[in-house]
Amino acid sequence: MEVDTAISLTVVGIAGQLLLNCRYLYQWYSSEKANESVLPLGFWIISLAASIMVVAYSIARQEPVLLVAQSLGIVVYLRNIIIYSRSLPGR
C-alpha cells in the first residue's frame, strides 16, 4: 500500500470515528432544544455516513472486527431512516 493511500485511509477512518462521536453532540443539542430526549433524523444520517466511512477503512485495512461492528450498524441506521421517512406528513 502506498504511503499516500495509507494516510488517506487513516484520515477516512479517523474522520468516521470522530463523526460517530459527534452524533451524540447533535443528539444532545436536539434534546436540549426540544426539552426532551429525541433521536432526530440527522442522528441516523450522521451514523450512517460515519459507519460507511469506517467500513471503507476497515475493508481497505482488512480489519474484520471493525467491519463486522460497523456493517451491522449500517443496517440499523438505514432501518431507522426508513421508519422516520414513513412518519413524514404526506406519506
PDB file of N, CA and C in Angstrom:
ATOM      1  N   MET A   1       0.852  -1.175   0.000  1.00  0.00           N
ATOM      2  CA  MET A   1       0.000   0.000   0.000  1.00  0.00           C
ATOM      3  C   MET A   1       0.896   1.235   0.000  1.00  0.00           C
ATOM      4  N   GLU A   2       0.612   2.157  -0.891  1.00  0.00           N
ATOM      5  CA  GLU A   2       1.402   3.384  -0.955  1.00  0.00           C
ATOM      6  C   GLU A   2       1.173   4.224   0.285  1.00  0.00           C
ATOM      7  N   VAL A   3       2.173   5.074   0.583  1.00  0.00           N
ATOM      8  CA  VAL A   3       2.088   5.924   1.769  1.00  0.00           C
ATOM      9  C   VAL A   3       0.901   6.874   1.673  1.00  0.00           C
ATOM     10  N   ASP A   4       0.682   7.507   0.510  1.00  0.00           N
ATOM     11  CA  ASP A   4      -0.443   8.444   0.348  1.00  0.00           C
ATOM     12  C   ASP A   4      -1.780   7.739   0.567  1.00  0.00           C
ATOM     13  N   THR A   5      -1.907   6.527   0.059  1.00  0.00           N
ATOM     14  CA  THR A   5      -3.140   5.768   0.228  1.00  0.00           C
ATOM     15  C   THR A   5      -3.346   5.413   1.696  1.00  0.00           C
ATOM     16  N   ALA A   6      -2.285   4.984   2.364  1.00  0.00           N
ATOM     17  CA  ALA A   6      -2.381   4.634   3.780  1.00  0.00           C
ATOM     18  C   ALA A   6      -2.781   5.846   4.616  1.00  0.00           C
ATOM     19  N   ILE A   7      -2.214   6.992   4.309  1.00  0.00           N
ATOM     20  CA  ILE A   7      -2.552   8.218   5.044  1.00  0.00           C
ATOM     21  C   ILE A   7      -4.003   8.594   4.774  1.00  0.00           C
ATOM     22  N   SER A   8      -4.422   8.514   3.516  1.00  0.00           N
ATOM     23  CA  SER A   8      -5.809   8.832   3.164  1.00  0.00           C
ATOM     24  C   SER A   8      -6.789   7.913   3.887  1.00  0.00           C
ATOM     25  N   LEU A   9      -6.479   6.622   3.927  1.00  0.00           N
ATOM     26  CA  LEU A   9      -7.342   5.676   4.620  1.00  0.00           C
ATOM     27  C   LEU A   9      -7.405   5.967   6.112  1.00  0.00           C
ATOM     28  N   THR A  10      -6.280   6.317   6.678  1.00  0.00           N
ATOM     29  CA  THR A  10      -6.249   6.653   8.103  1.00  0.00           C
ATOM     30  C   THR A  10      -7.102   7.884   8.380  1.00  0.00           C
ATOM     31  N   VAL A  11      -7.022   8.871   7.499  1.00  0.00           N
ATOM     32  CA  VAL A  11      -7.828  10.086   7.660  1.00  0.00           C
ATOM     33  C   VAL A  11      -9.320   9.738   7.580  1.00  0.00           C
ATOM     34  N   VAL A  12      -9.709   8.891   6.621  1.00  0.00           N
ATOM     35  CA  VAL A  12     -11.111   8.479   6.488  1.00  0.00           C
ATOM     36  C   VAL A  12     -11.560   7.720   7.739  1.00  0.00           C
ATOM     37  N   GLY A  13     -10.730   6.818   8.226  1.00  0.00           N
ATOM     38  CA  GLY A  13     -11.067   6.054   9.420  1.00  0.00           C
ATOM     39  C   GLY A  13     -11.220   6.933  10.648  1.00  0.00           C
ATOM     40  N   ILE A  14     -10.292   7.855  10.844  1.00  0.00           N
ATOM     41  CA  ILE A  14     -10.365   8.772  11.983  1.00  0.00           C
ATOM     42  C   ILE A  14     -11.571   9.691  11.856  1.00  0.00           C
ATOM     43  N   ALA A  15     -11.806  10.214  10.658  1.00  0.00           N
ATOM     44  CA  ALA A  15     -12.950  11.107  10.440  1.00  0.00           C
ATOM     45  C   ALA A  15     -14.259  10.367  10.716  1.00  0.00           C
ATOM     46  N   GLY A  16     -14.357   9.126  10.286  1.00  0.00           N
ATOM     47  CA  GLY A  16     -15.556   8.332  10.534  1.00  0.00           C
ATOM     48  C   GLY A  16     -15.792   8.118  12.022  1.00  0.00           C
ATOM     49  N   GLN A  17     -14.737   7.787  12.745  1.00  0.00           N
ATOM     50  CA  GLN A  17     -14.862   7.583  14.193  1.00  0.00           C
ATOM     51  C   GLN A  17     -15.231   8.887  14.900  1.00  0.00           C
ATOM     52  N   LEU A  18     -14.626   9.985  14.491  1.00  0.00           N
ATOM     53  CA  LEU A  18     -14.966  11.282  15.094  1.00  0.00           C
ATOM     54  C   LEU A  18     -16.415  11.657  14.804  1.00  0.00           C
ATOM     55  N   LEU A  19     -16.855  11.374  13.583  1.00  0.00           N
ATOM     56  CA  LEU A  19     -18.235  11.655  13.209  1.00  0.00           C
ATOM     57  C   LEU A  19     -19.208  10.813  14.042  1.00  0.00           C
ATOM     58  N   LEU A  20     -18.846   9.569  14.303  1.00  0.00           N
ATOM     59  CA  LEU A  20     -19.685   8.734  15.167  1.00  0.00           C
ATOM     60  C   LEU A  20     -19.807   9.355  16.553  1.00  0.00           C
ATOM     61  N   ASN A  21     -18.734   9.927  17.056  1.00  0.00           N
ATOM     62  CA  ASN A  21     -18.785  10.586  18.359  1.00  0.00           C
ATOM     63  C   ASN A  21     -19.567  11.895  18.300  1.00  0.00           C
ATOM     64  N   CYS A  22     -19.458  12.628  17.201  1.00  0.00           N
ATOM     65  CA  CYS A  22     -20.149  13.916  17.073  1.00  0.00           C
ATOM     66  C   CYS A  22     -21.666  13.759  17.015  1.00  0.00           C
ATOM     67  N   ARG A  23     -22.134  12.616  16.577  1.00  0.00           N
ATOM     68  CA  ARG A  23     -23.585  12.422  16.502  1.00  0.00           C
ATOM     69  C   ARG A  23     -24.212  12.519  17.878  1.00  0.00           C
ATOM     70  N   TYR A  24     -23.474  12.168  18.916  1.00  0.00           N
ATOM     71  CA  TYR A  24     -24.011  12.295  20.279  1.00  0.00           C
ATOM     72  C   TYR A  24     -24.152  13.755  20.682  1.00  0.00           C
ATOM     73  N   LEU A  25     -23.233  14.585  20.220  1.00  0.00           N
ATOM     74  CA  LEU A  25     -23.368  16.018  20.480  1.00  0.00           C
ATOM     75  C   LEU A  25     -24.604  16.563  19.775  1.00  0.00           C
ATOM     76  N   TYR A  26     -24.825  16.112  18.554  1.00  0.00           N
ATOM     77  CA  TYR A  26     -26.000  16.524  17.791  1.00  0.00           C
ATOM     78  C   TYR A  26     -27.272  16.074  18.500  1.00  0.00           C
ATOM     79  N   GLN A  27     -27.294  14.841  18.984  1.00  0.00           N
ATOM     80  CA  GLN A  27     -28.462  14.325  19.688  1.00  0.00           C
ATOM     81  C   GLN A  27     -28.691  15.100  20.985  1.00  0.00           C
ATOM     82  N   TRP A  28     -27.634  15.406  21.686  1.00  0.00           N
ATOM     83  CA  TRP A  28     -27.732  16.166  22.934  1.00  0.00           C
ATOM     84  C   TRP A  28     -28.311  17.550  22.663  1.00  0.00           C
ATOM     85  N   TYR A  29     -27.779  18.212  21.634  1.00  0.00           N
ATOM     86  CA  TYR A  29     -28.280  19.543  21.249  1.00  0.00           C
ATOM     87  C   TYR A  29     -29.767  19.485  20.908  1.00  0.00           C
ATOM     88  N   SER A  30     -30.161  18.488  20.111  1.00  0.00           N
ATOM     89  CA  SER A  30     -31.564  18.352  19.706  1.00  0.00           C
ATOM     90  C   SER A  30     -32.465  18.100  20.907  1.00  0.00           C
ATOM     91  N   SER A  31     -32.001  17.289  21.835  1.00  0.00           N
ATOM     92  CA  SER A  31     -32.788  17.002  23.036  1.00  0.00           C
ATOM     93  C   SER A  31     -32.917  18.239  23.924  1.00  0.00           C
ATOM     94  N   GLU A  32     -31.846  18.986  24.063  1.00  0.00           N
ATOM     95  CA  GLU A  32     -31.902  20.217  24.858  1.00  0.00           C
ATOM     96  C   GLU A  32     -32.870  21.215  24.229  1.00  0.00           C
ATOM     97  N   LYS A  33     -32.814  21.323  22.920  1.00  0.00           N
ATOM     98  CA  LYS A  33     -33.685  22.257  22.200  1.00  0.00           C
ATOM     99  C   LYS A  33     -35.154  21.866  22.359  1.00  0.00           C
ATOM    100  N   ALA A  34     -35.441  20.566  22.316  1.00  0.00           N
ATOM    101  CA  ALA A  34     -36.810  20.085  22.440  1.00  0.00           C
ATOM    102  C   ALA A  34     -37.240  19.928  23.901  1.00  0.00           C
ATOM    103  N   ASN A  35     -36.283  20.026  24.789  1.00  0.00           N
ATOM    104  CA  ASN A  35     -36.517  19.850  26.225  1.00  0.00           C
ATOM    105  C   ASN A  35     -37.061  18.448  26.542  1.00  0.00           C
ATOM    106  N   GLU A  36     -36.650  17.467  25.717  1.00  0.00           N
ATOM    107  CA  GLU A  36     -36.961  16.061  25.941  1.00  0.00           C
ATOM    108  C   GLU A  36     -35.970  15.228  25.142  1.00  0.00           C
ATOM    109  N   SER A  37     -35.838  13.982  25.484  1.00  0.00           N
ATOM    110  CA  SER A  37     -34.896  13.105  24.790  1.00  0.00           C
ATOM    111  C   SER A  37     -35.451  12.754  23.406  1.00  0.00           C
ATOM    112  N   VAL A  38     -34.706  13.101  22.369  1.00  0.00           N
ATOM    113  CA  VAL A  38     -35.121  12.812  20.996  1.00  0.00           C
ATOM    114  C   VAL A  38     -33.950  12.249  20.193  1.00  0.00           C
ATOM    115  N   LEU A  39     -34.276  11.462  19.200  1.00  0.00           N
ATOM    116  CA  LEU A  39     -33.290  10.987  18.236  1.00  0.00           C
ATOM    117  C   LEU A  39     -33.745  11.473  16.861  1.00  0.00           C
ATOM    118  N   PRO A  40     -33.247  12.633  16.436  1.00  0.00           N
ATOM    119  CA  PRO A  40     -33.689  13.211  15.164  1.00  0.00           C
ATOM    120  C   PRO A  40     -33.124  12.447  13.963  1.00  0.00           C
ATOM    121  N   LEU A  41     -33.738  12.671  12.813  1.00  0.00           N
ATOM    122  CA  LEU A  41     -33.282  12.047  11.576  1.00  0.00           C
ATOM    123  C   LEU A  41     -31.795  12.278  11.346  1.00  0.00           C
ATOM    124  N   GLY A  42     -31.328  13.468  11.645  1.00  0.00           N
ATOM    125  CA  GLY A  42     -29.907  13.778  11.452  1.00  0.00           C
ATOM    126  C   GLY A  42     -28.986  12.838  12.211  1.00  0.00           C
ATOM    127  N   PHE A  43     -29.408  12.379  13.367  1.00  0.00           N
ATOM    128  CA  PHE A  43     -28.619  11.418  14.148  1.00  0.00           C
ATOM    129  C   PHE A  43     -28.372  10.156  13.331  1.00  0.00           C
ATOM    130  N   TRP A  44     -29.440   9.664  12.693  1.00  0.00           N
ATOM    131  CA  TRP A  44     -29.319   8.428  11.909  1.00  0.00           C
ATOM    132  C   TRP A  44     -28.517   8.653  10.626  1.00  0.00           C
ATOM    133  N   ILE A  45     -28.663   9.821  10.022  1.00  0.00           N
ATOM    134  CA  ILE A  45     -27.893  10.139   8.811  1.00  0.00           C
ATOM    135  C   ILE A  45     -26.414  10.253   9.135  1.00  0.00           C
ATOM    136  N   ILE A  46     -26.085  10.950  10.227  1.00  0.00           N
ATOM    137  CA  ILE A  46     -24.686  11.059  10.650  1.00  0.00           C
ATOM    138  C   ILE A  46     -24.129   9.671  10.965  1.00  0.00           C
ATOM    139  N   SER A  47     -24.914   8.856  11.657  1.00  0.00           N
ATOM    140  CA  SER A  47     -24.489   7.499  11.998  1.00  0.00           C
ATOM    141  C   SER A  47     -24.204   6.683  10.748  1.00  0.00           C
ATOM    142  N   LEU A  48     -25.084   6.767   9.776  1.00  0.00           N
ATOM    143  CA  LEU A  48     -24.915   6.023   8.524  1.00  0.00           C
ATOM    144  C   LEU A  48     -23.666   6.472   7.782  1.00  0.00           C
ATOM    145  N   ALA A  49     -23.496   7.779   7.623  1.00  0.00           N
ATOM    146  CA  ALA A  49     -22.319   8.298   6.909  1.00  0.00           C
ATOM    147  C   ALA A  49     -21.028   7.879   7.603  1.00  0.00           C
ATOM    148  N   ALA A  50     -21.004   8.006   8.918  1.00  0.00           N
ATOM    149  CA  ALA A  50     -19.800   7.645   9.668  1.00  0.00           C
ATOM    150  C   ALA A  50     -19.512   6.154   9.562  1.00  0.00           C
ATOM    151  N   SER A  51     -20.535   5.329   9.662  1.00  0.00           N
ATOM    152  CA  SER A  51     -20.332   3.888   9.563  1.00  0.00           C
ATOM    153  C   SER A  51     -19.818   3.481   8.189  1.00  0.00           C
ATOM    154  N   ILE A  52     -20.338   4.103   7.151  1.00  0.00           N
ATOM    155  CA  ILE A  52     -19.854   3.803   5.801  1.00  0.00           C
ATOM    156  C   ILE A  52     -18.373   4.161   5.691  1.00  0.00           C
ATOM    157  N   MET A  53     -17.982   5.282   6.271  1.00  0.00           N
ATOM    158  CA  MET A  53     -16.569   5.680   6.251  1.00  0.00           C
ATOM    159  C   MET A  53     -15.703   4.664   6.994  1.00  0.00           C
ATOM    160  N   VAL A  54     -16.164   4.226   8.151  1.00  0.00           N
ATOM    161  CA  VAL A  54     -15.381   3.266   8.941  1.00  0.00           C
ATOM    162  C   VAL A  54     -15.349   1.902   8.246  1.00  0.00           C
ATOM    163  N   VAL A  55     -16.450   1.503   7.610  1.00  0.00           N
ATOM    164  CA  VAL A  55     -16.459   0.243   6.860  1.00  0.00           C
ATOM    165  C   VAL A  55     -15.465   0.314   5.702  1.00  0.00           C
ATOM    166  N   ALA A  56     -15.443   1.420   4.985  1.00  0.00           N
ATOM    167  CA  ALA A  56     -14.473   1.583   3.891  1.00  0.00           C
ATOM    168  C   ALA A  56     -13.044   1.441   4.419  1.00  0.00           C
ATOM    169  N   TYR A  57     -12.791   2.071   5.545  1.00  0.00           N
ATOM    170  CA  TYR A  57     -11.474   1.977   6.176  1.00  0.00           C
ATOM    171  C   TYR A  57     -11.165   0.529   6.570  1.00  0.00           C
ATOM    172  N   SER A  58     -12.142  -0.133   7.193  1.00  0.00           N
ATOM    173  CA  SER A  58     -11.895  -1.494   7.674  1.00  0.00           C
ATOM    174  C   SER A  58     -11.687  -2.478   6.527  1.00  0.00           C
ATOM    175  N   ILE A  59     -12.364  -2.265   5.417  1.00  0.00           N
ATOM    176  CA  ILE A  59     -12.161  -3.129   4.246  1.00  0.00           C
ATOM    177  C   ILE A  59     -10.757  -2.925   3.691  1.00  0.00           C
ATOM    178  N   ALA A  60     -10.376  -1.668   3.525  1.00  0.00           N
ATOM    179  CA  ALA A  60      -9.058  -1.370   2.966  1.00  0.00           C
ATOM    180  C   ALA A  60      -7.935  -1.857   3.876  1.00  0.00           C
ATOM    181  N   ARG A  61      -8.147  -1.766   5.183  1.00  0.00           N
ATOM    182  CA  ARG A  61      -7.118  -2.181   6.147  1.00  0.00           C
ATOM    183  C   ARG A  61      -7.259  -3.643   6.569  1.00  0.00           C
ATOM    184  N   GLN A  62      -8.293  -4.300   6.046  1.00  0.00           N
ATOM    185  CA  GLN A  62      -8.561  -5.705   6.359  1.00  0.00           C
ATOM    186  C   GLN A  62      -8.674  -5.917   7.867  1.00  0.00           C
ATOM    187  N   GLU A  63      -9.558  -5.125   8.488  1.00  0.00           N
ATOM    188  CA  GLU A  63      -9.803  -5.219   9.924  1.00  0.00           C
ATOM    189  C   GLU A  63     -11.216  -5.770  10.142  1.00  0.00           C
ATOM    190  N   PRO A  64     -11.320  -7.090  10.310  1.00  0.00           N
ATOM    191  CA  PRO A  64     -12.635  -7.725  10.375  1.00  0.00           C
ATOM    192  C   PRO A  64     -13.492  -7.301  11.568  1.00  0.00           C
ATOM    193  N   VAL A  65     -12.889  -6.963  12.691  1.00  0.00           N
ATOM    194  CA  VAL A  65     -13.683  -6.576  13.858  1.00  0.00           C
ATOM    195  C   VAL A  65     -14.452  -5.290  13.574  1.00  0.00           C
ATOM    196  N   LEU A  66     -13.769  -4.282  13.047  1.00  0.00           N
ATOM    197  CA  LEU A  66     -14.437  -3.028  12.677  1.00  0.00           C
ATOM    198  C   LEU A  66     -15.474  -3.264  11.593  1.00  0.00           C
ATOM    199  N   LEU A  67     -15.138  -4.092  10.637  1.00  0.00           N
ATOM    200  CA  LEU A  67     -16.046  -4.374   9.528  1.00  0.00           C
ATOM    201  C   LEU A  67     -17.362  -4.954  10.034  1.00  0.00           C
ATOM    202  N   VAL A  68     -17.288  -5.950  10.889  1.00  0.00           N
ATOM    203  CA  VAL A  68     -18.499  -6.579  11.409  1.00  0.00           C
ATOM    204  C   VAL A  68     -19.293  -5.590  12.269  1.00  0.00           C
ATOM    205  N   ALA A  69     -18.598  -4.903  13.162  1.00  0.00           N
ATOM    206  CA  ALA A  69     -19.272  -3.978  14.080  1.00  0.00           C
ATOM    207  C   ALA A  69     -20.002  -2.867  13.328  1.00  0.00           C
ATOM    208  N   GLN A  70     -19.350  -2.244  12.384  1.00  0.00           N
ATOM    209  CA  GLN A  70     -19.959  -1.125  11.682  1.00  0.00           C
ATOM    210  C   GLN A  70     -20.933  -1.566  10.606  1.00  0.00           C
ATOM    211  N   SER A  71     -20.729  -2.721  10.010  1.00  0.00           N
ATOM    212  CA  SER A  71     -21.670  -3.221   8.999  1.00  0.00           C
ATOM    213  C   SER A  71     -23.034  -3.475   9.614  1.00  0.00           C
ATOM    214  N   LEU A  72     -23.054  -4.043  10.800  1.00  0.00           N
ATOM    215  CA  LEU A  72     -24.326  -4.293  11.476  1.00  0.00           C
ATOM    216  C   LEU A  72     -25.012  -2.974  11.813  1.00  0.00           C
ATOM    217  N   GLY A  73     -24.245  -1.970  12.186  1.00  0.00           N
ATOM    218  CA  GLY A  73     -24.806  -0.653  12.477  1.00  0.00           C
ATOM    219  C   GLY A  73     -25.475  -0.040  11.268  1.00  0.00           C
ATOM    220  N   ILE A  74     -24.891  -0.232  10.098  1.00  0.00           N
ATOM    221  CA  ILE A  74     -25.455   0.329   8.867  1.00  0.00           C
ATOM    222  C   ILE A  74     -26.890  -0.162   8.668  1.00  0.00           C
ATOM    223  N   VAL A  75     -27.131  -1.428   8.932  1.00  0.00           N
ATOM    224  CA  VAL A  75     -28.478  -1.986   8.793  1.00  0.00           C
ATOM    225  C   VAL A  75     -29.448  -1.264   9.732  1.00  0.00           C
ATOM    226  N   VAL A  76     -29.035  -1.072  10.976  1.00  0.00           N
ATOM    227  CA  VAL A  76     -29.888  -0.393  11.962  1.00  0.00           C
ATOM    228  C   VAL A  76     -30.147   1.052  11.540  1.00  0.00           C
ATOM    229  N   TYR A  77     -29.108   1.751  11.108  1.00  0.00           N
ATOM    230  CA  TYR A  77     -29.252   3.162  10.734  1.00  0.00           C
ATOM    231  C   TYR A  77     -30.159   3.314   9.525  1.00  0.00           C
ATOM    232  N   LEU A  78     -29.990   2.456   8.526  1.00  0.00           N
ATOM    233  CA  LEU A  78     -30.871   2.501   7.352  1.00  0.00           C
ATOM    234  C   LEU A  78     -32.315   2.230   7.737  1.00  0.00           C
ATOM    235  N   ARG A  79     -32.533   1.252   8.593  1.00  0.00           N
ATOM    236  CA  ARG A  79     -33.893   0.918   9.018  1.00  0.00           C
ATOM    237  C   ARG A  79     -34.534   2.084   9.751  1.00  0.00           C
ATOM    238  N   ASN A  80     -33.795   2.758  10.600  1.00  0.00           N
ATOM    239  CA  ASN A  80     -34.352   3.901  11.317  1.00  0.00           C
ATOM    240  C   ASN A  80     -34.647   5.065  10.383  1.00  0.00           C
ATOM    241  N   ILE A  81     -33.840   5.252   9.356  1.00  0.00           N
ATOM    242  CA  ILE A  81     -34.112   6.304   8.364  1.00  0.00           C
ATOM    243  C   ILE A  81     -35.402   5.976   7.612  1.00  0.00           C
ATOM    244  N   ILE A  82     -35.590   4.706   7.260  1.00  0.00           N
ATOM    245  CA  ILE A  82     -36.817   4.282   6.571  1.00  0.00           C
ATOM    246  C   ILE A  82     -38.030   4.504   7.468  1.00  0.00           C
ATOM    247  N   ILE A  83     -37.940   4.091   8.714  1.00  0.00           N
ATOM    248  CA  ILE A  83     -39.050   4.276   9.660  1.00  0.00           C
ATOM    249  C   ILE A  83     -39.366   5.757   9.811  1.00  0.00           C
ATOM    250  N   TYR A  84     -38.339   6.569   9.945  1.00  0.00           N
ATOM    251  CA  TYR A  84     -38.535   8.017  10.096  1.00  0.00           C
ATOM    252  C   TYR A  84     -39.224   8.584   8.860  1.00  0.00           C
ATOM    253  N   SER A  85     -38.773   8.178   7.669  1.00  0.00           N
ATOM    254  CA  SER A  85     -39.338   8.729   6.433  1.00  0.00           C
ATOM    255  C   SER A  85     -40.815   8.350   6.267  1.00  0.00           C
ATOM    256  N   ARG A  86     -41.207   7.211   6.795  1.00  0.00           N
ATOM    257  CA  ARG A  86     -42.606   6.777   6.729  1.00  0.00           C
ATOM    258  C   ARG A  86     -43.508   7.634   7.623  1.00  0.00           C
ATOM    259  N   SER A  87     -42.921   8.240   8.632  1.00  0.00           N
ATOM    260  CA  SER A  87     -43.714   9.047   9.558  1.00  0.00           C
ATOM    261  C   SER A  87     -43.876  10.496   9.096  1.00  0.00           C
ATOM    262  N   LEU A  88     -43.263  10.846   7.974  1.00  0.00           N
ATOM    263  CA  LEU A  88     -43.365  12.216   7.474  1.00  0.00           C
ATOM    264  C   LEU A  88     -44.762  12.477   6.930  1.00  0.00           C
ATOM    265  N   PRO A  89     -45.252  13.714   7.092  1.00  0.00           N
ATOM    266  CA  PRO A  89     -46.576  14.055   6.554  1.00  0.00           C
ATOM    267  C   PRO A  89     -46.632  13.826   5.041  1.00  0.00           C
ATOM    268  N   GLY A  90     -47.761  13.334   4.559  1.00  0.00           N
ATOM    269  CA  GLY A  90     -47.924  13.098   3.132  1.00  0.00           C
ATOM    270  C   GLY A  90     -47.460  11.729   2.689  1.00  0.00           C
ATOM    271  N   ARG A  91     -47.035  10.877   3.614  1.00  0.00           N
ATOM    272  CA  ARG A  91     -46.602   9.522   3.278  1.00  0.00           C
ATOM    273  C   ARG A  91     -47.681   8.542   3.579  1.00  0.00           C
TER     274      ARG A  91
END
